[in-house]
Amino acid sequence: MSLKVFEQQEIRSHWDENQEKWYFSVIDVVAVLTESQNPRRYWSDLKIKL
């Protein structure tokens, strides 16, 4: 696992060598984009709405 920095906040990421793709933590991305105090709850509510 490696960390990427966006807007001075860390986002967990993983490089899959077999598929040659980056994977990012949805919770970390939600936290950065929404500035939510509880990004896990925000993501959970969003999944229910979708």
PDB file of N, CA and C in Angstrom:
ATOM      1  N   MET A   1       0.854  -1.170   0.000  1.00  0.00           N
ATOM      2  CA  MET A   1       0.000   0.000   0.000  1.00  0.00           C
ATOM      3  C   MET A   1       0.898   1.231   0.000  1.00  0.00           C
ATOM      4  N   SER A   2       0.468   2.243  -0.712  1.00  0.00           N
ATOM      5  CA  SER A   2       1.178   3.508  -0.709  1.00  0.00           C
ATOM      6  C   SER A   2       0.179   4.625  -0.449  1.00  0.00           C
ATOM      7  N   LEU A   3       0.699   5.786  -0.127  1.00  0.00           N
ATOM      8  CA  LEU A   3      -0.158   6.934   0.157  1.00  0.00           C
ATOM      9  C   LEU A   3       0.038   7.989  -0.914  1.00  0.00           C
ATOM     10  N   LYS A   4      -1.052   8.564  -1.356  1.00  0.00           N
ATOM     11  CA  LYS A   4      -1.035   9.688  -2.280  1.00  0.00           C
ATOM     12  C   LYS A   4      -1.562  10.894  -1.517  1.00  0.00           C
ATOM     13  N   VAL A   5      -1.076  12.057  -1.846  1.00  0.00           N
ATOM     14  CA  VAL A   5      -1.524  13.272  -1.174  1.00  0.00           C
ATOM     15  C   VAL A   5      -2.330  14.105  -2.155  1.00  0.00           C
ATOM     16  N   PHE A   6      -3.513  14.502  -1.722  1.00  0.00           N
ATOM     17  CA  PHE A   6      -4.395  15.353  -2.510  1.00  0.00           C
ATOM     18  C   PHE A   6      -4.986  16.382  -1.573  1.00  0.00           C
ATOM     19  N   GLU A   7      -4.833  17.643  -1.890  1.00  0.00           N
ATOM     20  CA  GLU A   7      -5.362  18.712  -1.037  1.00  0.00           C
ATOM     21  C   GLU A   7      -4.843  18.560   0.403  1.00  0.00           C
ATOM     22  N   GLN A   8      -3.599  18.217   0.563  1.00  0.00           N
ATOM     23  CA  GLN A   8      -2.924  18.025   1.861  1.00  0.00           C
ATOM     24  C   GLN A   8      -3.530  16.903   2.699  1.00  0.00           C
ATOM     25  N   GLN A   9      -4.268  15.996   2.069  1.00  0.00           N
ATOM     26  CA  GLN A   9      -4.813  14.846   2.787  1.00  0.00           C
ATOM     27  C   GLN A   9      -4.335  13.565   2.105  1.00  0.00           C
ATOM     28  N   GLU A  10      -4.114  12.547   2.906  1.00  0.00           N
ATOM     29  CA  GLU A  10      -3.611  11.282   2.384  1.00  0.00           C
ATOM     30  C   GLU A  10      -4.750  10.393   1.885  1.00  0.00           C
ATOM     31  N   ILE A  11      -4.486   9.734   0.765  1.00  0.00           N
ATOM     32  CA  ILE A  11      -5.425   8.772   0.200  1.00  0.00           C
ATOM     33  C   ILE A  11      -4.683   7.455   0.032  1.00  0.00           C
ATOM     34  N   ARG A  12      -5.201   6.413   0.666  1.00  0.00           N
ATOM     35  CA  ARG A  12      -4.571   5.106   0.551  1.00  0.00           C
ATOM     36  C   ARG A  12      -4.753   4.568  -0.865  1.00  0.00           C
ATOM     37  N   SER A  13      -3.696   3.961  -1.389  1.00  0.00           N
ATOM     38  CA  SER A  13      -3.763   3.427  -2.752  1.00  0.00           C
ATOM     39  C   SER A  13      -2.955   2.139  -2.838  1.00  0.00           C
ATOM     40  N   HIS A  14      -3.250   1.378  -3.887  1.00  0.00           N
ATOM     41  CA  HIS A  14      -2.560   0.102  -4.113  1.00  0.00           C
ATOM     42  C   HIS A  14      -2.384  -0.094  -5.610  1.00  0.00           C
ATOM     43  N   TRP A  15      -1.194  -0.475  -6.030  1.00  0.00           N
ATOM     44  CA  TRP A  15      -0.910  -0.769  -7.433  1.00  0.00           C
ATOM     45  C   TRP A  15      -0.974  -2.281  -7.624  1.00  0.00           C
ATOM     46  N   ASP A  16      -1.860  -2.750  -8.521  1.00  0.00           N
ATOM     47  CA  ASP A  16      -1.970  -4.164  -8.838  1.00  0.00           C
ATOM     48  C   ASP A  16      -1.121  -4.431 -10.077  1.00  0.00           C
ATOM     49  N   GLU A  17      -0.018  -5.119  -9.881  1.00  0.00           N
ATOM     50  CA  GLU A  17       0.918  -5.363 -10.991  1.00  0.00           C
ATOM     51  C   GLU A  17       0.326  -6.258 -12.066  1.00  0.00           C
ATOM     52  N   ASN A  18      -0.496  -7.224 -11.685  1.00  0.00           N
ATOM     53  CA  ASN A  18      -1.069  -8.148 -12.668  1.00  0.00           C
ATOM     54  C   ASN A  18      -2.039  -7.442 -13.609  1.00  0.00           C
ATOM     55  N   GLN A  19      -2.890  -6.603 -13.060  1.00  0.00           N
ATOM     56  CA  GLN A  19      -3.877  -5.890 -13.867  1.00  0.00           C
ATOM     57  C   GLN A  19      -3.373  -4.529 -14.340  1.00  0.00           C
ATOM     58  N   GLU A  20      -2.242  -4.103 -13.780  1.00  0.00           N
ATOM     59  CA  GLU A  20      -1.657  -2.795 -14.077  1.00  0.00           C
ATOM     60  C   GLU A  20      -2.674  -1.672 -13.852  1.00  0.00           C
ATOM     61  N   LYS A  21      -3.244  -1.668 -12.642  1.00  0.00           N
ATOM     62  CA  LYS A  21      -4.244  -0.676 -12.263  1.00  0.00           C
ATOM     63  C   LYS A  21      -3.965  -0.158 -10.861  1.00  0.00           C
ATOM     64  N   TRP A  22      -4.320   1.104 -10.635  1.00  0.00           N
ATOM     65  CA  TRP A  22      -4.303   1.681  -9.303  1.00  0.00           C
ATOM     66  C   TRP A  22      -5.672   1.491  -8.661  1.00  0.00           C
ATOM     67  N   TYR A  23      -5.688   1.219  -7.385  1.00  0.00           N
ATOM     68  CA  TYR A  23      -6.912   1.153  -6.592  1.00  0.00           C
ATOM     69  C   TYR A  23      -6.785   2.159  -5.457  1.00  0.00           C
ATOM     70  N   PHE A  24      -7.865   2.889  -5.194  1.00  0.00           N
ATOM     71  CA  PHE A  24      -7.858   3.924  -4.170  1.00  0.00           C
ATOM     72  C   PHE A  24      -8.952   3.657  -3.149  1.00  0.00           C
ATOM     73  N   SER A  25      -8.710   4.074  -1.929  1.00  0.00           N
ATOM     74  CA  SER A  25      -9.696   3.930  -0.863  1.00  0.00           C
ATOM     75  C   SER A  25     -10.856   4.896  -1.105  1.00  0.00           C
ATOM     76  N   VAL A  26     -12.051   4.347  -1.270  1.00  0.00           N
ATOM     77  CA  VAL A  26     -13.231   5.176  -1.513  1.00  0.00           C
ATOM     78  C   VAL A  26     -13.486   6.091  -0.319  1.00  0.00           C
ATOM     79  N   ILE A  27     -13.300   5.575   0.861  1.00  0.00           N
ATOM     80  CA  ILE A  27     -13.547   6.362   2.069  1.00  0.00           C
ATOM     81  C   ILE A  27     -12.618   7.571   2.116  1.00  0.00           C
ATOM     82  N   ASP A  28     -11.354   7.373   1.764  1.00  0.00           N
ATOM     83  CA  ASP A  28     -10.409   8.488   1.759  1.00  0.00           C
ATOM     84  C   ASP A  28     -10.772   9.523   0.701  1.00  0.00           C
ATOM     85  N   VAL A  29     -11.197   9.070  -0.466  1.00  0.00           N
ATOM     86  CA  VAL A  29     -11.590   9.989  -1.540  1.00  0.00           C
ATOM     87  C   VAL A  29     -12.841  10.771  -1.136  1.00  0.00           C
ATOM     88  N   VAL A  30     -13.811  10.091  -0.540  1.00  0.00           N
ATOM     89  CA  VAL A  30     -15.026  10.762  -0.067  1.00  0.00           C
ATOM     90  C   VAL A  30     -14.666  11.818   0.982  1.00  0.00           C
ATOM     91  N   ALA A  31     -13.761  11.493   1.869  1.00  0.00           N
ATOM     92  CA  ALA A  31     -13.357  12.433   2.915  1.00  0.00           C
ATOM     93  C   ALA A  31     -12.760  13.701   2.310  1.00  0.00           C
ATOM     94  N   VAL A  32     -11.938  13.544   1.283  1.00  0.00           N
ATOM     95  CA  VAL A  32     -11.308  14.703   0.656  1.00  0.00           C
ATOM     96  C   VAL A  32     -12.329  15.532  -0.118  1.00  0.00           C
ATOM     97  N   LEU A  33     -13.177  14.872  -0.886  1.00  0.00           N
ATOM     98  CA  LEU A  33     -14.100  15.596  -1.761  1.00  0.00           C
ATOM     99  C   LEU A  33     -15.268  16.242  -1.024  1.00  0.00           C
ATOM    100  N   THR A  34     -15.732  15.623   0.048  1.00  0.00           N
ATOM    101  CA  THR A  34     -16.923  16.140   0.743  1.00  0.00           C
ATOM    102  C   THR A  34     -16.584  16.910   2.014  1.00  0.00           C
ATOM    103  N   GLU A  35     -15.369  16.740   2.517  1.00  0.00           N
ATOM    104  CA  GLU A  35     -14.962  17.339   3.796  1.00  0.00           C
ATOM    105  C   GLU A  35     -15.899  16.912   4.921  1.00  0.00           C
ATOM    106  N   SER A  36     -16.443  15.712   4.800  1.00  0.00           N
ATOM    107  CA  SER A  36     -17.359  15.165   5.790  1.00  0.00           C
ATOM    108  C   SER A  36     -16.619  14.824   7.081  1.00  0.00           C
ATOM    109  N   GLN A  37     -17.306  14.998   8.201  1.00  0.00           N
ATOM    110  CA  GLN A  37     -16.742  14.610   9.490  1.00  0.00           C
ATOM    111  C   GLN A  37     -16.749  13.100   9.662  1.00  0.00           C
ATOM    112  N   ASN A  38     -17.661  12.427   8.960  1.00  0.00           N
ATOM    113  CA  ASN A  38     -17.776  10.976   9.043  1.00  0.00           C
ATOM    114  C   ASN A  38     -17.900  10.413   7.621  1.00  0.00           C
ATOM    115  N   PRO A  39     -16.784  10.290   6.896  1.00  0.00           N
ATOM    116  CA  PRO A  39     -16.855   9.852   5.495  1.00  0.00           C
ATOM    117  C   PRO A  39     -17.386   8.428   5.323  1.00  0.00           C
ATOM    118  N   ARG A  40     -17.153   7.561   6.287  1.00  0.00           N
ATOM    119  CA  ARG A  40     -17.665   6.193   6.184  1.00  0.00           C
ATOM    120  C   ARG A  40     -19.197   6.198   6.183  1.00  0.00           C
ATOM    121  N   ARG A  41     -19.785   7.021   7.034  1.00  0.00           N
ATOM    122  CA  ARG A  41     -21.245   7.147   7.083  1.00  0.00           C
ATOM    123  C   ARG A  41     -21.777   7.788   5.801  1.00  0.00           C
ATOM    124  N   TYR A  42     -21.071   8.804   5.318  1.00  0.00           N
ATOM    125  CA  TYR A  42     -21.466   9.476   4.071  1.00  0.00           C
ATOM    126  C   TYR A  42     -21.495   8.466   2.934  1.00  0.00           C
ATOM    127  N   TRP A  43     -20.450   7.628   2.830  1.00  0.00           N
ATOM    128  CA  TRP A  43     -20.374   6.611   1.773  1.00  0.00           C
ATOM    129  C   TRP A  43     -21.499   5.589   1.934  1.00  0.00           C
ATOM    130  N   SER A  44     -21.768   5.172   3.153  1.00  0.00           N
ATOM    131  CA  SER A  44     -22.830   4.209   3.413  1.00  0.00           C
ATOM    132  C   SER A  44     -24.185   4.762   2.979  1.00  0.00           C
ATOM    133  N   ASP A  45     -24.475   6.013   3.350  1.00  0.00           N
ATOM    134  CA  ASP A  45     -25.744   6.642   2.965  1.00  0.00           C
ATOM    135  C   ASP A  45     -25.832   6.802   1.447  1.00  0.00           C
ATOM    136  N   LEU A  46     -24.744   7.152   0.816  1.00  0.00           N
ATOM    137  CA  LEU A  46     -24.737   7.320  -0.640  1.00  0.00           C
ATOM    138  C   LEU A  46     -25.035   5.998  -1.348  1.00  0.00           C
ATOM    139  N   LYS A  47     -24.447   4.906  -0.870  1.00  0.00           N
ATOM    140  CA  LYS A  47     -24.704   3.591  -1.481  1.00  0.00           C
ATOM    141  C   LYS A  47     -26.180   3.216  -1.367  1.00  0.00           C
ATOM    142  N   ILE A  48     -26.796   3.558  -0.231  1.00  0.00           N
ATOM    143  CA  ILE A  48     -28.218   3.243  -0.052  1.00  0.00           C
ATOM    144  C   ILE A  48     -29.059   4.040  -1.039  1.00  0.00           C
ATOM    145  N   LYS A  49     -28.723   5.302  -1.246  1.00  0.00           N
ATOM    146  CA  LYS A  49     -29.476   6.155  -2.171  1.00  0.00           C
ATOM    147  C   LYS A  49     -29.319   5.690  -3.617  1.00  0.00           C
ATOM    148  N   LEU A  50     -28.153   5.165  -3.943  1.00  0.00           N
ATOM    149  CA  LEU A  50     -27.922   4.717  -5.314  1.00  0.00           C
ATOM    150  C   LEU A  50     -28.588   3.387  -5.541  1.00  0.00           C
TER     151      LEU A  50
END
